Amino acid sequence: MTTHTNTQADYSRRSAQDLIAELNAEKDKFFTAALAVGFESSTTFVFGNDVGQLEKLIQAMAAGGEPIGLIGIVKEPREASNGEHISFYSRPLSEYETEPWAREYLNALASTVAELLRLRELRAKEGWLQ
């Protein structure tokens, strides 16, 4: 991940506790939800159901990770057949909501996850579940 200059408030002004609270406030809308923490050449995810979420995030941030945004996965019934679609939702943290690179980064993560899961069809959804 290339480090980008944030034109809004510095993310470090928000505590790890605040970021975990935001993840936990959103997680029940999804099959699974995670906070994406970017590094120079990798990404770590802190999932809504992780044991020790706060410690995991603090360790990632101490190692130079930058919390970028949330990713949520939803299972939806397939209309014409049995089975389900898996849809990916993503949104940058408020600190990065006007930064185009943050959306691109999160969309690329969704594509990578779909490839890892060997999904034939990626349904990336714009916006966030309310």
Protein backbone atom coordinates (compact mmCIF):
# COMPACT_ATOMS: atom_id res chain seq x y z
CA MET A 1 0.00 0.00 0.00
CA THR A 2 1.34 3.38 -0.91
CA THR A 3 1.02 5.94 1.84
CA HIS A 4 -1.14 8.85 0.78
CA THR A 5 -1.44 12.30 2.22
CA ASN A 6 -4.74 12.74 3.97
CA THR A 7 -6.27 16.13 3.27
CA GLN A 8 -8.67 15.78 6.18
CA ALA A 9 -8.04 15.17 9.87
CA ASP A 10 -5.15 12.89 10.74
CA TYR A 11 -6.48 9.39 11.47
CA SER A 12 -4.25 9.15 14.55
CA ARG A 13 -6.61 11.55 16.29
CA ARG A 14 -9.06 8.67 16.55
CA SER A 15 -8.18 6.03 19.05
CA ALA A 16 -8.09 2.32 18.37
CA GLN A 17 -11.03 2.10 20.80
CA ASP A 18 -13.05 4.50 18.62
CA LEU A 19 -12.30 2.49 15.48
CA ILE A 20 -13.29 -0.79 17.15
CA ALA A 21 -16.50 0.84 18.40
CA GLU A 22 -17.30 1.88 14.80
CA LEU A 23 -16.65 -1.67 13.54
CA ASN A 24 -18.82 -3.16 16.28
CA ALA A 25 -21.64 -0.70 15.59
CA GLU A 26 -21.73 -1.89 11.94
CA LYS A 27 -20.98 -5.62 12.17
CA ASP A 28 -24.51 -6.90 12.80
CA LYS A 29 -25.67 -5.67 9.37
CA PHE A 30 -23.43 -8.22 7.67
CA PHE A 31 -22.58 -11.90 7.46
CA THR A 32 -19.10 -10.68 8.36
CA ALA A 33 -17.51 -7.24 8.61
CA ALA A 34 -13.91 -6.13 9.02
CA LEU A 35 -11.75 -3.06 9.46
CA ALA A 36 -9.05 -3.02 6.78
CA VAL A 37 -5.64 -1.93 8.05
CA GLY A 38 -3.19 -1.21 5.25
CA PHE A 39 0.55 -1.69 5.26
CA GLU A 40 3.10 -0.91 2.57
CA SER A 41 2.67 -4.30 0.87
CA SER A 42 -0.13 -6.08 2.73
CA THR A 43 -3.42 -5.68 4.54
CA THR A 44 -4.55 -6.94 7.93
CA PHE A 45 -8.21 -7.34 8.78
CA VAL A 46 -9.74 -6.91 12.21
CA PHE A 47 -13.05 -8.76 12.02
CA GLY A 48 -16.17 -7.92 13.95
CA ASN A 49 -16.14 -11.35 15.59
CA ASP A 50 -12.41 -11.50 16.39
CA VAL A 51 -11.44 -12.24 19.96
CA GLY A 52 -9.04 -9.53 21.09
CA GLN A 53 -10.08 -7.00 18.41
CA LEU A 54 -8.62 -4.04 20.24
CA GLU A 55 -5.26 -5.72 20.86
CA LYS A 56 -5.07 -6.84 17.23
CA LEU A 57 -5.73 -3.31 15.99
CA ILE A 58 -3.30 -1.73 18.44
CA GLN A 59 -0.58 -4.18 17.33
CA ALA A 60 -1.28 -3.46 13.65
CA MET A 61 -1.16 0.30 14.18
CA ALA A 62 2.03 0.03 16.27
CA ALA A 63 3.61 -1.93 13.39
CA GLY A 64 2.81 0.93 10.99
CA GLY A 65 -0.62 -0.15 9.77
CA GLU A 66 -3.08 2.51 8.71
CA PRO A 67 -6.82 1.87 9.27
CA ILE A 68 -8.47 2.70 5.93
CA GLY A 69 -12.08 1.51 5.95
CA LEU A 70 -14.71 -1.10 6.56
CA ILE A 71 -15.66 -4.05 4.39
CA GLY A 72 -18.92 -5.92 4.88
CA ILE A 73 -20.01 -9.17 3.26
CA VAL A 74 -23.66 -10.12 2.79
CA LYS A 75 -25.16 -13.39 1.58
CA GLU A 76 -28.21 -12.83 -0.63
CA PRO A 77 -30.51 -15.44 -2.18
CA ARG A 78 -29.99 -16.14 -5.85
CA GLU A 79 -33.21 -15.32 -7.75
CA ALA A 80 -33.41 -18.04 -10.41
CA SER A 81 -31.75 -20.94 -8.64
CA ASN A 82 -30.70 -22.37 -5.36
CA GLY A 83 -27.72 -20.85 -3.67
CA GLU A 84 -26.60 -17.43 -2.69
CA HIS A 85 -24.82 -14.40 -4.05
CA ILE A 86 -22.11 -12.92 -1.93
CA SER A 87 -22.07 -9.13 -2.05
CA PHE A 88 -19.26 -6.91 -0.83
CA TYR A 89 -19.87 -3.48 0.64
CA SER A 90 -17.08 -1.12 1.53
CA ARG A 91 -16.61 2.39 2.80
CA PRO A 92 -13.60 4.39 3.82
CA LEU A 93 -13.38 5.68 7.35
CA SER A 94 -14.61 9.26 7.67
CA GLU A 95 -11.02 10.49 7.59
CA TYR A 96 -10.69 9.18 4.03
CA GLU A 97 -14.21 9.47 2.64
CA THR A 98 -13.20 12.13 0.10
CA GLU A 99 -9.99 10.37 -0.94
CA PRO A 100 -10.46 8.46 -4.25
CA TRP A 101 -7.48 6.19 -3.52
CA ALA A 102 -9.20 4.88 -0.38
CA ARG A 103 -12.27 3.69 -2.34
CA GLU A 104 -10.01 2.16 -5.00
CA TYR A 105 -8.02 0.37 -2.31
CA LEU A 106 -11.13 -1.08 -0.66
CA ASN A 107 -12.60 -2.14 -4.02
CA ALA A 108 -9.34 -3.89 -4.90
CA LEU A 109 -9.47 -5.72 -1.55
CA ALA A 110 -12.99 -6.94 -2.33
CA SER A 111 -11.80 -8.27 -5.69
CA THR A 112 -8.87 -10.04 -4.04
CA VAL A 113 -11.13 -11.65 -1.43
CA ALA A 114 -13.47 -12.83 -4.19
CA GLU A 115 -10.53 -14.42 -6.01
CA LEU A 116 -9.33 -16.10 -2.83
CA LEU A 117 -12.82 -17.49 -2.24
CA ARG A 118 -12.93 -18.57 -5.89
CA LEU A 119 -16.16 -16.74 -6.47
CA ARG A 120 -17.22 -16.70 -10.09
CA GLU A 121 -19.19 -13.54 -9.70
CA LEU A 122 -18.24 -10.54 -7.60
CA ARG A 123 -21.08 -8.29 -6.60
CA ALA A 124 -19.48 -5.12 -5.33
CA LYS A 125 -22.10 -2.75 -4.00
CA GLU A 126 -21.71 1.00 -3.86
CA GLY A 127 -22.51 2.60 -0.55
CA TRP A 128 -23.13 1.02 2.80
CA LEU A 129 -25.99 -0.82 4.46
CA GLN A 130 -28.10 1.38 6.69
